[in-house]
Amino acid sequence: MAKSEFRRRRKEFIRMVGTGNIAVIASAPVSQRNRDIEYPYRQDSDFYYLTGFEESGALAVFVPSRRPAEYILFCREMDET
């Protein structure tokens, strides 16, 4: 999907949140099947709809009152191993 589509979705979401509010949306957690086996990761649908980001451990913060409105994505450092 094109980056412009995610940008359009965020712009509409920020409009709905409204000035004077902040929205914080977390990514889906990793689910463990057994002690050392994880289920295949699936991102939260709402989080993906707004960000297009598919990694766990992330937060999206939307601040409509900033001009221009601000969208901040916090994520874990990349593990190069």
PDB file of N, CA and C in Angstrom:
ATOM      1  N   MET A   1       0.840  -1.172   0.000  1.00  0.00           N
ATOM      2  CA  MET A   1       0.000   0.000   0.000  1.00  0.00           C
ATOM      3  C   MET A   1       0.893   1.246   0.000  1.00  0.00           C
ATOM      4  N   ALA A   2       0.446   2.273  -0.663  1.00  0.00           N
ATOM      5  CA  ALA A   2       1.231   3.505  -0.798  1.00  0.00           C
ATOM      6  C   ALA A   2       1.281   4.285   0.516  1.00  0.00           C
ATOM      7  N   LYS A   3       2.417   4.921   0.766  1.00  0.00           N
ATOM      8  CA  LYS A   3       2.581   5.739   1.972  1.00  0.00           C
ATOM      9  C   LYS A   3       1.540   6.851   2.027  1.00  0.00           C
ATOM     10  N   SER A   4       1.156   7.337   0.870  1.00  0.00           N
ATOM     11  CA  SER A   4       0.173   8.426   0.824  1.00  0.00           C
ATOM     12  C   SER A   4      -1.177   7.997   1.400  1.00  0.00           C
ATOM     13  N   GLU A   5      -1.523   6.722   1.267  1.00  0.00           N
ATOM     14  CA  GLU A   5      -2.783   6.225   1.825  1.00  0.00           C
ATOM     15  C   GLU A   5      -2.735   6.243   3.350  1.00  0.00           C
ATOM     16  N   PHE A   6      -1.627   5.806   3.935  1.00  0.00           N
ATOM     17  CA  PHE A   6      -1.498   5.858   5.394  1.00  0.00           C
ATOM     18  C   PHE A   6      -1.513   7.308   5.877  1.00  0.00           C
ATOM     19  N   ARG A   7      -0.867   8.189   5.140  1.00  0.00           N
ATOM     20  CA  ARG A   7      -0.854   9.618   5.477  1.00  0.00           C
ATOM     21  C   ARG A   7      -2.276  10.180   5.468  1.00  0.00           C
ATOM     22  N   ARG A   8      -3.057   9.807   4.463  1.00  0.00           N
ATOM     23  CA  ARG A   8      -4.449  10.264   4.374  1.00  0.00           C
ATOM     24  C   ARG A   8      -5.262   9.761   5.560  1.00  0.00           C
ATOM     25  N   ARG A   9      -5.071   8.498   5.927  1.00  0.00           N
ATOM     26  CA  ARG A   9      -5.791   7.913   7.062  1.00  0.00           C
ATOM     27  C   ARG A   9      -5.433   8.622   8.368  1.00  0.00           C
ATOM     28  N   ARG A  10      -4.135   8.906   8.557  1.00  0.00           N
ATOM     29  CA  ARG A  10      -3.709   9.604   9.775  1.00  0.00           C
ATOM     30  C   ARG A  10      -4.309  11.004   9.839  1.00  0.00           C
ATOM     31  N   LYS A  11      -4.323  11.685   8.708  1.00  0.00           N
ATOM     32  CA  LYS A  11      -4.882  13.037   8.659  1.00  0.00           C
ATOM     33  C   LYS A  11      -6.353  13.025   9.062  1.00  0.00           C
ATOM     34  N   GLU A  12      -7.111  12.080   8.561  1.00  0.00           N
ATOM     35  CA  GLU A  12      -8.529  11.950   8.909  1.00  0.00           C
ATOM     36  C   GLU A  12      -8.692  11.589  10.382  1.00  0.00           C
ATOM     37  N   PHE A  13      -7.865  10.679  10.890  1.00  0.00           N
ATOM     38  CA  PHE A  13      -7.933  10.289  12.298  1.00  0.00           C
ATOM     39  C   PHE A  13      -7.641  11.485  13.204  1.00  0.00           C
ATOM     40  N   ILE A  14      -6.609  12.248  12.874  1.00  0.00           N
ATOM     41  CA  ILE A  14      -6.254  13.432  13.664  1.00  0.00           C
ATOM     42  C   ILE A  14      -7.409  14.430  13.666  1.00  0.00           C
ATOM     43  N   ARG A  15      -8.083  14.585  12.546  1.00  0.00           N
ATOM     44  CA  ARG A  15      -9.249  15.470  12.482  1.00  0.00           C
ATOM     45  C   ARG A  15     -10.339  14.982  13.432  1.00  0.00           C
ATOM     46  N   MET A  16     -10.555  13.659  13.492  1.00  0.00           N
ATOM     47  CA  MET A  16     -11.580  13.087  14.364  1.00  0.00           C
ATOM     48  C   MET A  16     -11.208  13.212  15.843  1.00  0.00           C
ATOM     49  N   VAL A  17      -9.927  13.090  16.163  1.00  0.00           N
ATOM     50  CA  VAL A  17      -9.477  13.212  17.557  1.00  0.00           C
ATOM     51  C   VAL A  17      -9.750  14.622  18.066  1.00  0.00           C
ATOM     52  N   GLY A  18      -9.483  15.609  17.253  1.00  0.00           N
ATOM     53  CA  GLY A  18      -9.792  16.991  17.598  1.00  0.00           C
ATOM     54  C   GLY A  18      -8.719  17.679  18.424  1.00  0.00           C
ATOM     55  N   THR A  19      -8.673  18.993  18.293  1.00  0.00           N
ATOM     56  CA  THR A  19      -7.711  19.807  19.025  1.00  0.00           C
ATOM     57  C   THR A  19      -7.971  19.699  20.526  1.00  0.00           C
ATOM     58  N   GLY A  20      -6.906  19.686  21.299  1.00  0.00           N
ATOM     59  CA  GLY A  20      -7.035  19.585  22.753  1.00  0.00           C
ATOM     60  C   GLY A  20      -6.984  18.157  23.260  1.00  0.00           C
ATOM     61  N   ASN A  21      -6.891  17.198  22.368  1.00  0.00           N
ATOM     62  CA  ASN A  21      -6.805  15.787  22.744  1.00  0.00           C
ATOM     63  C   ASN A  21      -5.524  15.181  22.198  1.00  0.00           C
ATOM     64  N   ILE A  22      -5.144  14.068  22.781  1.00  0.00           N
ATOM     65  CA  ILE A  22      -4.000  13.290  22.304  1.00  0.00           C
ATOM     66  C   ILE A  22      -4.456  11.844  22.213  1.00  0.00           C
ATOM     67  N   ALA A  23      -4.049  11.145  21.177  1.00  0.00           N
ATOM     68  CA  ALA A  23      -4.364   9.719  21.039  1.00  0.00           C
ATOM     69  C   ALA A  23      -3.060   8.925  21.068  1.00  0.00           C
ATOM     70  N   VAL A  24      -3.059   7.852  21.863  1.00  0.00           N
ATOM     71  CA  VAL A  24      -1.913   6.945  21.938  1.00  0.00           C
ATOM     72  C   VAL A  24      -2.422   5.552  21.603  1.00  0.00           C
ATOM     73  N   ILE A  25      -1.831   4.933  20.599  1.00  0.00           N
ATOM     74  CA  ILE A  25      -2.253   3.600  20.165  1.00  0.00           C
ATOM     75  C   ILE A  25      -1.043   2.682  20.195  1.00  0.00           C
ATOM     76  N   ALA A  26      -1.216   1.526  20.828  1.00  0.00           N
ATOM     77  CA  ALA A  26      -0.117   0.562  20.958  1.00  0.00           C
ATOM     78  C   ALA A  26      -0.231  -0.528  19.901  1.00  0.00           C
ATOM     79  N   SER A  27       0.918  -1.039  19.502  1.00  0.00           N
ATOM     80  CA  SER A  27       0.943  -2.181  18.584  1.00  0.00           C
ATOM     81  C   SER A  27       0.493  -3.429  19.338  1.00  0.00           C
ATOM     82  N   ALA A  28       0.200  -4.468  18.606  1.00  0.00           N
ATOM     83  CA  ALA A  28      -0.215  -5.729  19.225  1.00  0.00           C
ATOM     84  C   ALA A  28       0.966  -6.360  19.964  1.00  0.00           C
ATOM     85  N   PRO A  29       0.687  -7.026  21.085  1.00  0.00           N
ATOM     86  CA  PRO A  29       1.776  -7.710  21.789  1.00  0.00           C
ATOM     87  C   PRO A  29       2.150  -9.013  21.086  1.00  0.00           C
ATOM     88  N   VAL A  30       3.325  -9.508  21.391  1.00  0.00           N
ATOM     89  CA  VAL A  30       3.756 -10.814  20.897  1.00  0.00           C
ATOM     90  C   VAL A  30       3.073 -11.862  21.769  1.00  0.00           C
ATOM     91  N   SER A  31       2.496 -12.888  21.155  1.00  0.00           N
ATOM     92  CA  SER A  31       1.811 -13.944  21.904  1.00  0.00           C
ATOM     93  C   SER A  31       2.658 -15.200  21.934  1.00  0.00           C
ATOM     94  N   GLN A  32       2.834 -15.729  23.143  1.00  0.00           N
ATOM     95  CA  GLN A  32       3.616 -16.958  23.279  1.00  0.00           C
ATOM     96  C   GLN A  32       2.705 -18.170  23.261  1.00  0.00           C
ATOM     97  N   ARG A  33       3.159 -19.183  22.557  1.00  0.00           N
ATOM     98  CA  ARG A  33       2.427 -20.435  22.470  1.00  0.00           C
ATOM     99  C   ARG A  33       2.842 -21.343  23.620  1.00  0.00           C
ATOM    100  N   ASN A  34       4.126 -21.529  23.758  1.00  0.00           N
ATOM    101  CA  ASN A  34       4.710 -22.292  24.859  1.00  0.00           C
ATOM    102  C   ASN A  34       5.778 -21.416  25.489  1.00  0.00           C
ATOM    103  N   ARG A  35       6.564 -21.966  26.360  1.00  0.00           N
ATOM    104  CA  ARG A  35       7.603 -21.176  27.026  1.00  0.00           C
ATOM    105  C   ARG A  35       8.560 -20.502  26.050  1.00  0.00           C
ATOM    106  N   ASP A  36       8.949 -21.201  25.011  1.00  0.00           N
ATOM    107  CA  ASP A  36       9.961 -20.657  24.104  1.00  0.00           C
ATOM    108  C   ASP A  36       9.505 -20.572  22.649  1.00  0.00           C
ATOM    109  N   ILE A  37       8.222 -20.730  22.411  1.00  0.00           N
ATOM    110  CA  ILE A  37       7.699 -20.667  21.045  1.00  0.00           C
ATOM    111  C   ILE A  37       6.632 -19.579  20.974  1.00  0.00           C
ATOM    112  N   GLU A  38       6.785 -18.699  19.997  1.00  0.00           N
ATOM    113  CA  GLU A  38       5.815 -17.622  19.811  1.00  0.00           C
ATOM    114  C   GLU A  38       4.927 -17.919  18.610  1.00  0.00           C
ATOM    115  N   TYR A  39       3.688 -17.452  18.695  1.00  0.00           N
ATOM    116  CA  TYR A  39       2.817 -17.501  17.530  1.00  0.00           C
ATOM    117  C   TYR A  39       3.372 -16.539  16.476  1.00  0.00           C
ATOM    118  N   PRO A  40       3.083 -16.775  15.207  1.00  0.00           N
ATOM    119  CA  PRO A  40       3.493 -15.794  14.189  1.00  0.00           C
ATOM    120  C   PRO A  40       2.870 -14.434  14.537  1.00  0.00           C
ATOM    121  N   TYR A  41       3.650 -13.386  14.423  1.00  0.00           N
ATOM    122  CA  TYR A  41       3.180 -12.060  14.834  1.00  0.00           C
ATOM    123  C   TYR A  41       2.171 -11.500  13.849  1.00  0.00           C
ATOM    124  N   ARG A  42       1.111 -10.929  14.402  1.00  0.00           N
ATOM    125  CA  ARG A  42       0.104 -10.230  13.591  1.00  0.00           C
ATOM    126  C   ARG A  42      -0.167  -8.884  14.243  1.00  0.00           C
ATOM    127  N   GLN A  43       0.047  -7.833  13.486  1.00  0.00           N
ATOM    128  CA  GLN A  43      -0.134  -6.484  14.000  1.00  0.00           C
ATOM    129  C   GLN A  43      -1.607  -6.201  14.278  1.00  0.00           C
ATOM    130  N   ASP A  44      -1.871  -5.354  15.272  1.00  0.00           N
ATOM    131  CA  ASP A  44      -3.219  -4.880  15.561  1.00  0.00           C
ATOM    132  C   ASP A  44      -3.766  -4.167  14.315  1.00  0.00           C
ATOM    133  N   SER A  45      -4.983  -4.495  13.933  1.00  0.00           N
ATOM    134  CA  SER A  45      -5.556  -3.957  12.691  1.00  0.00           C
ATOM    135  C   SER A  45      -5.651  -2.433  12.692  1.00  0.00           C
ATOM    136  N   ASP A  46      -6.078  -1.845  13.807  1.00  0.00           N
ATOM    137  CA  ASP A  46      -6.201  -0.389  13.877  1.00  0.00           C
ATOM    138  C   ASP A  46      -4.836   0.286  13.797  1.00  0.00           C
ATOM    139  N   PHE A  47      -3.855  -0.284  14.488  1.00  0.00           N
ATOM    140  CA  PHE A  47      -2.501   0.269  14.471  1.00  0.00           C
ATOM    141  C   PHE A  47      -1.945   0.228  13.046  1.00  0.00           C
ATOM    142  N   TYR A  48      -2.100  -0.910  12.388  1.00  0.00           N
ATOM    143  CA  TYR A  48      -1.598  -1.036  11.016  1.00  0.00           C
ATOM    144  C   TYR A  48      -2.346  -0.101  10.062  1.00  0.00           C
ATOM    145  N   TYR A  49      -3.643   0.026  10.246  1.00  0.00           N
ATOM    146  CA  TYR A  49      -4.455   0.891   9.382  1.00  0.00           C
ATOM    147  C   TYR A  49      -3.931   2.325   9.374  1.00  0.00           C
ATOM    148  N   LEU A  50      -3.483   2.793  10.540  1.00  0.00           N
ATOM    149  CA  LEU A  50      -3.010   4.176  10.649  1.00  0.00           C
ATOM    150  C   LEU A  50      -1.528   4.353  10.347  1.00  0.00           C
ATOM    151  N   THR A  51      -0.724   3.323  10.614  1.00  0.00           N
ATOM    152  CA  THR A  51       0.728   3.497  10.524  1.00  0.00           C
ATOM    153  C   THR A  51       1.397   2.712   9.399  1.00  0.00           C
ATOM    154  N   GLY A  52       0.880   1.538   9.084  1.00  0.00           N
ATOM    155  CA  GLY A  52       1.546   0.666   8.122  1.00  0.00           C
ATOM    156  C   GLY A  52       2.768  -0.018   8.713  1.00  0.00           C
ATOM    157  N   PHE A  53       2.954   0.105  10.021  1.00  0.00           N
ATOM    158  CA  PHE A  53       4.127  -0.435  10.716  1.00  0.00           C
ATOM    159  C   PHE A  53       3.792  -1.824  11.236  1.00  0.00           C
ATOM    160  N   GLU A  54       4.647  -2.820  10.961  1.00  0.00           N
ATOM    161  CA  GLU A  54       4.310  -4.208  11.266  1.00  0.00           C
ATOM    162  C   GLU A  54       5.118  -4.834  12.397  1.00  0.00           C
ATOM    163  N   GLU A  55       5.887  -4.043  13.147  1.00  0.00           N
ATOM    164  CA  GLU A  55       6.705  -4.603  14.219  1.00  0.00           C
ATOM    165  C   GLU A  55       6.012  -4.460  15.568  1.00  0.00           C
ATOM    166  N   SER A  56       6.354  -5.356  16.491  1.00  0.00           N
ATOM    167  CA  SER A  56       5.791  -5.299  17.840  1.00  0.00           C
ATOM    168  C   SER A  56       6.524  -4.252  18.674  1.00  0.00           C
ATOM    169  N   GLY A  57       5.970  -3.952  19.836  1.00  0.00           N
ATOM    170  CA  GLY A  57       6.630  -3.047  20.767  1.00  0.00           C
ATOM    171  C   GLY A  57       6.655  -1.598  20.324  1.00  0.00           C
ATOM    172  N   ALA A  58       5.636  -1.159  19.615  1.00  0.00           N
ATOM    173  CA  ALA A  58       5.612   0.219  19.109  1.00  0.00           C
ATOM    174  C   ALA A  58       4.413   0.984  19.670  1.00  0.00           C
ATOM    175  N   LEU A  59       4.538   2.296  19.694  1.00  0.00           N
ATOM    176  CA  LEU A  59       3.454   3.201  20.091  1.00  0.00           C
ATOM    177  C   LEU A  59       3.324   4.296  19.039  1.00  0.00           C
ATOM    178  N   ALA A  60       2.094   4.617  18.702  1.00  0.00           N
ATOM    179  CA  ALA A  60       1.824   5.747  17.811  1.00  0.00           C
ATOM    180  C   ALA A  60       1.130   6.823  18.635  1.00  0.00           C
ATOM    181  N   VAL A  61       1.658   8.032  18.594  1.00  0.00           N
ATOM    182  CA  VAL A  61       1.095   9.156  19.343  1.00  0.00           C
ATOM    183  C   VAL A  61       0.644  10.217  18.341  1.00  0.00           C
ATOM    184  N   PHE A  62      -0.594  10.667  18.503  1.00  0.00           N
ATOM    185  CA  PHE A  62      -1.178  11.670  17.619  1.00  0.00           C
ATOM    186  C   PHE A  62      -1.484  12.920  18.438  1.00  0.00           C
ATOM    187  N   VAL A  63      -0.935  14.057  18.018  1.00  0.00           N
ATOM    188  CA  VAL A  63      -1.090  15.327  18.739  1.00  0.00           C
ATOM    189  C   VAL A  63      -1.693  16.361  17.781  1.00  0.00           C
ATOM    190  N   PRO A  64      -3.032  16.434  17.718  1.00  0.00           N
ATOM    191  CA  PRO A  64      -3.677  17.351  16.775  1.00  0.00           C
ATOM    192  C   PRO A  64      -3.433  18.830  17.069  1.00  0.00           C
ATOM    193  N   SER A  65      -3.156  19.191  18.321  1.00  0.00           N
ATOM    194  CA  SER A  65      -3.033  20.611  18.672  1.00  0.00           C
ATOM    195  C   SER A  65      -1.747  21.254  18.162  1.00  0.00           C
ATOM    196  N   ARG A  66      -0.751  20.460  17.800  1.00  0.00           N
ATOM    197  CA  ARG A  66       0.481  21.014  17.215  1.00  0.00           C
ATOM    198  C   ARG A  66       0.184  21.475  15.794  1.00  0.00           C
ATOM    199  N   ARG A  67       0.860  22.508  15.352  1.00  0.00           N
ATOM    200  CA  ARG A  67       0.684  22.992  13.984  1.00  0.00           C
ATOM    201  C   ARG A  67       1.984  22.870  13.230  1.00  0.00           C
ATOM    202  N   PRO A  68       2.091  22.046  12.202  1.00  0.00           N
ATOM    203  CA  PRO A  68       1.028  21.140  11.769  1.00  0.00           C
ATOM    204  C   PRO A  68       0.841  20.003  12.771  1.00  0.00           C
ATOM    205  N   ALA A  69      -0.309  19.333  12.691  1.00  0.00           N
ATOM    206  CA  ALA A  69      -0.595  18.222  13.602  1.00  0.00           C
ATOM    207  C   ALA A  69       0.559  17.229  13.569  1.00  0.00           C
ATOM    208  N   GLU A  70       0.824  16.619  14.718  1.00  0.00           N
ATOM    209  CA  GLU A  70       2.013  15.777  14.832  1.00  0.00           C
ATOM    210  C   GLU A  70       1.643  14.309  15.019  1.00  0.00           C
ATOM    211  N   TYR A  71       2.416  13.458  14.384  1.00  0.00           N
ATOM    212  CA  TYR A  71       2.307  12.003  14.507  1.00  0.00           C
ATOM    213  C   TYR A  71       3.703  11.509  14.853  1.00  0.00           C
ATOM    214  N   ILE A  72       3.823  10.799  15.989  1.00  0.00           N
ATOM    215  CA  ILE A  72       5.122  10.301  16.438  1.00  0.00           C
ATOM    216  C   ILE A  72       5.022   8.788  16.586  1.00  0.00           C
ATOM    217  N   LEU A  73       5.977   8.078  16.030  1.00  0.00           N
ATOM    218  CA  LEU A  73       6.019   6.623  16.138  1.00  0.00           C
ATOM    219  C   LEU A  73       7.235   6.236  16.963  1.00  0.00           C
ATOM    220  N   PHE A  74       6.985   5.587  18.103  1.00  0.00           N
ATOM    221  CA  PHE A  74       8.055   5.079  18.949  1.00  0.00           C
ATOM    222  C   PHE A  74       8.188   3.584  18.678  1.00  0.00           C
ATOM    223  N   CYS A  75       9.423   3.117  18.503  1.00  0.00           N
ATOM    224  CA  CYS A  75       9.639   1.692  18.266  1.00  0.00           C
ATOM    225  C   CYS A  75      10.958   1.263  18.888  1.00  0.00           C
ATOM    226  N   ARG A  76      11.130  -0.034  18.978  1.00  0.00           N
ATOM    227  CA  ARG A  76      12.367  -0.583  19.534  1.00  0.00           C
ATOM    228  C   ARG A  76      13.523  -0.378  18.567  1.00  0.00           C
ATOM    229  N   GLU A  77      14.728  -0.369  19.132  1.00  0.00           N
ATOM    230  CA  GLU A  77      15.915  -0.325  18.279  1.00  0.00           C
ATOM    231  C   GLU A  77      15.995  -1.597  17.458  1.00  0.00           C
ATOM    232  N   MET A  78      16.525  -1.476  16.261  1.00  0.00           N
ATOM    233  CA  MET A  78      16.678  -2.635  15.394  1.00  0.00           C
ATOM    234  C   MET A  78      17.777  -3.549  15.936  1.00  0.00           C
ATOM    235  N   ASP A  79      17.469  -4.835  16.036  1.00  0.00           N
ATOM    236  CA  ASP A  79      18.456  -5.826  16.459  1.00  0.00           C
ATOM    237  C   ASP A  79      19.138  -6.360  15.207  1.00  0.00           C
ATOM    238  N   GLU A  80      20.392  -6.053  15.044  1.00  0.00           N
ATOM    239  CA  GLU A  80      21.122  -6.398  13.820  1.00  0.00           C
ATOM    240  C   GLU A  80      21.591  -7.851  13.777  1.00  0.00           C
ATOM    241  N   THR A  81      21.334  -8.625  14.840  1.00  0.00           N
ATOM    242  CA  THR A  81      21.818 -10.018  14.844  1.00  0.00           C
ATOM    243  C   THR A  81      20.880 -10.949  14.142  1.00  0.00           C
TER     244      THR A  81
END
